[in-house]
Amino acid sequence: MKELLTYIAKSLVDNPDEVNIVERENEAETVFEVRVADGDMGKIIGRQGRIVKEIRILMRAVAQRQGKKVSVEIMD
């Protein structure tokens, strides 16, 4: 799943080398922390948060097929 999220994030931004994704697992779910360059923050979030909302929906759908729970957080 991390590979999918990395591919999506790198495809959206101008500086793909600046994309950093950290995967944290706790007993309930897996949390992906996404960090991008300051100039790319708007591209990953989108207008009114539409792009990040769709990324979260897609990642939850993939996780559900594997019987897991996942969340995606955009970090500053």
C-alpha atoms as a PDB file:
ATOM      1  CA  MET A   1       0.000   0.000   0.000  1.00  0.00           C
ATOM      2  CA  LYS A   2       2.886   2.358   0.714  1.00  0.00           C
ATOM      3  CA  GLU A   3       4.107   1.893  -2.846  1.00  0.00           C
ATOM      4  CA  LEU A   4       0.697   2.900  -4.225  1.00  0.00           C
ATOM      5  CA  LEU A   5       0.558   6.009  -2.051  1.00  0.00           C
ATOM      6  CA  THR A   6       4.126   6.932  -3.018  1.00  0.00           C
ATOM      7  CA  TYR A   7       3.297   6.568  -6.713  1.00  0.00           C
ATOM      8  CA  ILE A   8       0.182   8.746  -6.399  1.00  0.00           C
ATOM      9  CA  ALA A   9       1.957  11.466  -4.409  1.00  0.00           C
ATOM     10  CA  LYS A  10       4.977  11.595  -6.713  1.00  0.00           C
ATOM     11  CA  SER A  11       2.687  11.812  -9.755  1.00  0.00           C
ATOM     12  CA  LEU A  12       0.907  14.875  -8.358  1.00  0.00           C
ATOM     13  CA  VAL A  13       3.818  17.069  -7.259  1.00  0.00           C
ATOM     14  CA  ASP A  14       6.487  19.085  -9.069  1.00  0.00           C
ATOM     15  CA  ASN A  15       9.295  17.827  -6.807  1.00  0.00           C
ATOM     16  CA  PRO A  16       8.858  14.047  -6.585  1.00  0.00           C
ATOM     17  CA  ASP A  17      12.227  13.642  -4.831  1.00  0.00           C
ATOM     18  CA  GLU A  18      10.859  15.640  -1.877  1.00  0.00           C
ATOM     19  CA  VAL A  19       8.023  13.164  -1.204  1.00  0.00           C
ATOM     20  CA  ASN A  20       8.524  11.301   2.067  1.00  0.00           C
ATOM     21  CA  ILE A  21       6.020   8.783   3.425  1.00  0.00           C
ATOM     22  CA  VAL A  22       6.336   7.283   6.895  1.00  0.00           C
ATOM     23  CA  GLU A  23       4.269   4.223   7.800  1.00  0.00           C
ATOM     24  CA  ARG A  24       3.266   3.826  11.449  1.00  0.00           C
ATOM     25  CA  GLU A  25       1.290   0.863  12.720  1.00  0.00           C
ATOM     26  CA  ASN A  26      -0.677   0.640  15.937  1.00  0.00           C
ATOM     27  CA  GLU A  27      -3.112  -2.009  17.146  1.00  0.00           C
ATOM     28  CA  ALA A  28      -6.101  -0.517  15.333  1.00  0.00           C
ATOM     29  CA  GLU A  29      -4.795   0.780  12.007  1.00  0.00           C
ATOM     30  CA  THR A  30      -1.893   1.787   9.799  1.00  0.00           C
ATOM     31  CA  VAL A  31      -1.177   5.506   9.513  1.00  0.00           C
ATOM     32  CA  PHE A  32       0.688   6.966   6.545  1.00  0.00           C
ATOM     33  CA  GLU A  33       2.296  10.365   7.150  1.00  0.00           C
ATOM     34  CA  VAL A  34       2.922  12.170   3.866  1.00  0.00           C
ATOM     35  CA  ARG A  35       5.428  15.023   3.647  1.00  0.00           C
ATOM     36  CA  VAL A  36       6.009  17.027   0.476  1.00  0.00           C
ATOM     37  CA  ALA A  37       7.874  20.223  -0.422  1.00  0.00           C
ATOM     38  CA  ASP A  38       6.216  23.451   0.720  1.00  0.00           C
ATOM     39  CA  GLY A  39       5.389  24.472  -2.851  1.00  0.00           C
ATOM     40  CA  ASP A  40       3.665  21.149  -3.521  1.00  0.00           C
ATOM     41  CA  MET A  41       1.391  21.184  -0.476  1.00  0.00           C
ATOM     42  CA  GLY A  42      -1.501  22.682  -2.445  1.00  0.00           C
ATOM     43  CA  LYS A  43      -1.180  20.101  -5.194  1.00  0.00           C
ATOM     44  CA  ILE A  44      -1.470  17.185  -2.796  1.00  0.00           C
ATOM     45  CA  ILE A  45      -4.384  18.736  -0.876  1.00  0.00           C
ATOM     46  CA  GLY A  46      -6.279  20.210  -3.821  1.00  0.00           C
ATOM     47  CA  ARG A  47      -9.049  22.769  -3.848  1.00  0.00           C
ATOM     48  CA  GLN A  48     -11.161  22.457  -0.731  1.00  0.00           C
ATOM     49  CA  GLY A  49      -9.258  19.257   0.097  1.00  0.00           C
ATOM     50  CA  ARG A  50     -10.717  17.282  -2.788  1.00  0.00           C
ATOM     51  CA  ILE A  51      -7.533  15.520  -3.903  1.00  0.00           C
ATOM     52  CA  VAL A  52      -6.473  14.382  -0.425  1.00  0.00           C
ATOM     53  CA  LYS A  53     -10.048  13.218   0.206  1.00  0.00           C
ATOM     54  CA  GLU A  54      -9.940  11.041  -2.904  1.00  0.00           C
ATOM     55  CA  ILE A  55      -6.506   9.681  -1.953  1.00  0.00           C
ATOM     56  CA  ARG A  56      -7.899   8.700   1.455  1.00  0.00           C
ATOM     57  CA  ILE A  57     -10.931   7.010  -0.133  1.00  0.00           C
ATOM     58  CA  LEU A  58      -8.708   5.052  -2.514  1.00  0.00           C
ATOM     59  CA  MET A  59      -6.333   3.937   0.240  1.00  0.00           C
ATOM     60  CA  ARG A  60      -9.228   2.848   2.475  1.00  0.00           C
ATOM     61  CA  ALA A  61     -10.682   0.800  -0.383  1.00  0.00           C
ATOM     62  CA  VAL A  62      -7.357  -0.980  -0.958  1.00  0.00           C
ATOM     63  CA  ALA A  63      -6.934  -1.588   2.776  1.00  0.00           C
ATOM     64  CA  GLN A  64     -10.462  -2.932   3.128  1.00  0.00           C
ATOM     65  CA  ARG A  65      -9.761  -5.548   0.441  1.00  0.00           C
ATOM     66  CA  GLN A  66      -6.831  -6.698   2.588  1.00  0.00           C
ATOM     67  CA  GLY A  67      -8.880  -6.637   5.789  1.00  0.00           C
ATOM     68  CA  LYS A  68      -6.988  -3.694   7.276  1.00  0.00           C
ATOM     69  CA  LYS A  69      -7.704  -0.136   8.364  1.00  0.00           C
ATOM     70  CA  VAL A  70      -5.633   2.753   7.107  1.00  0.00           C
ATOM     71  CA  SER A  71      -5.517   6.528   7.357  1.00  0.00           C
ATOM     72  CA  VAL A  72      -3.512   9.133   5.455  1.00  0.00           C
ATOM     73  CA  GLU A  73      -2.230  12.317   7.124  1.00  0.00           C
ATOM     74  CA  ILE A  74      -0.620  15.223   5.291  1.00  0.00           C
ATOM     75  CA  MET A  75       2.157  16.656   7.460  1.00  0.00           C
ATOM     76  CA  ASP A  76       3.635  20.160   7.318  1.00  0.00           C
END
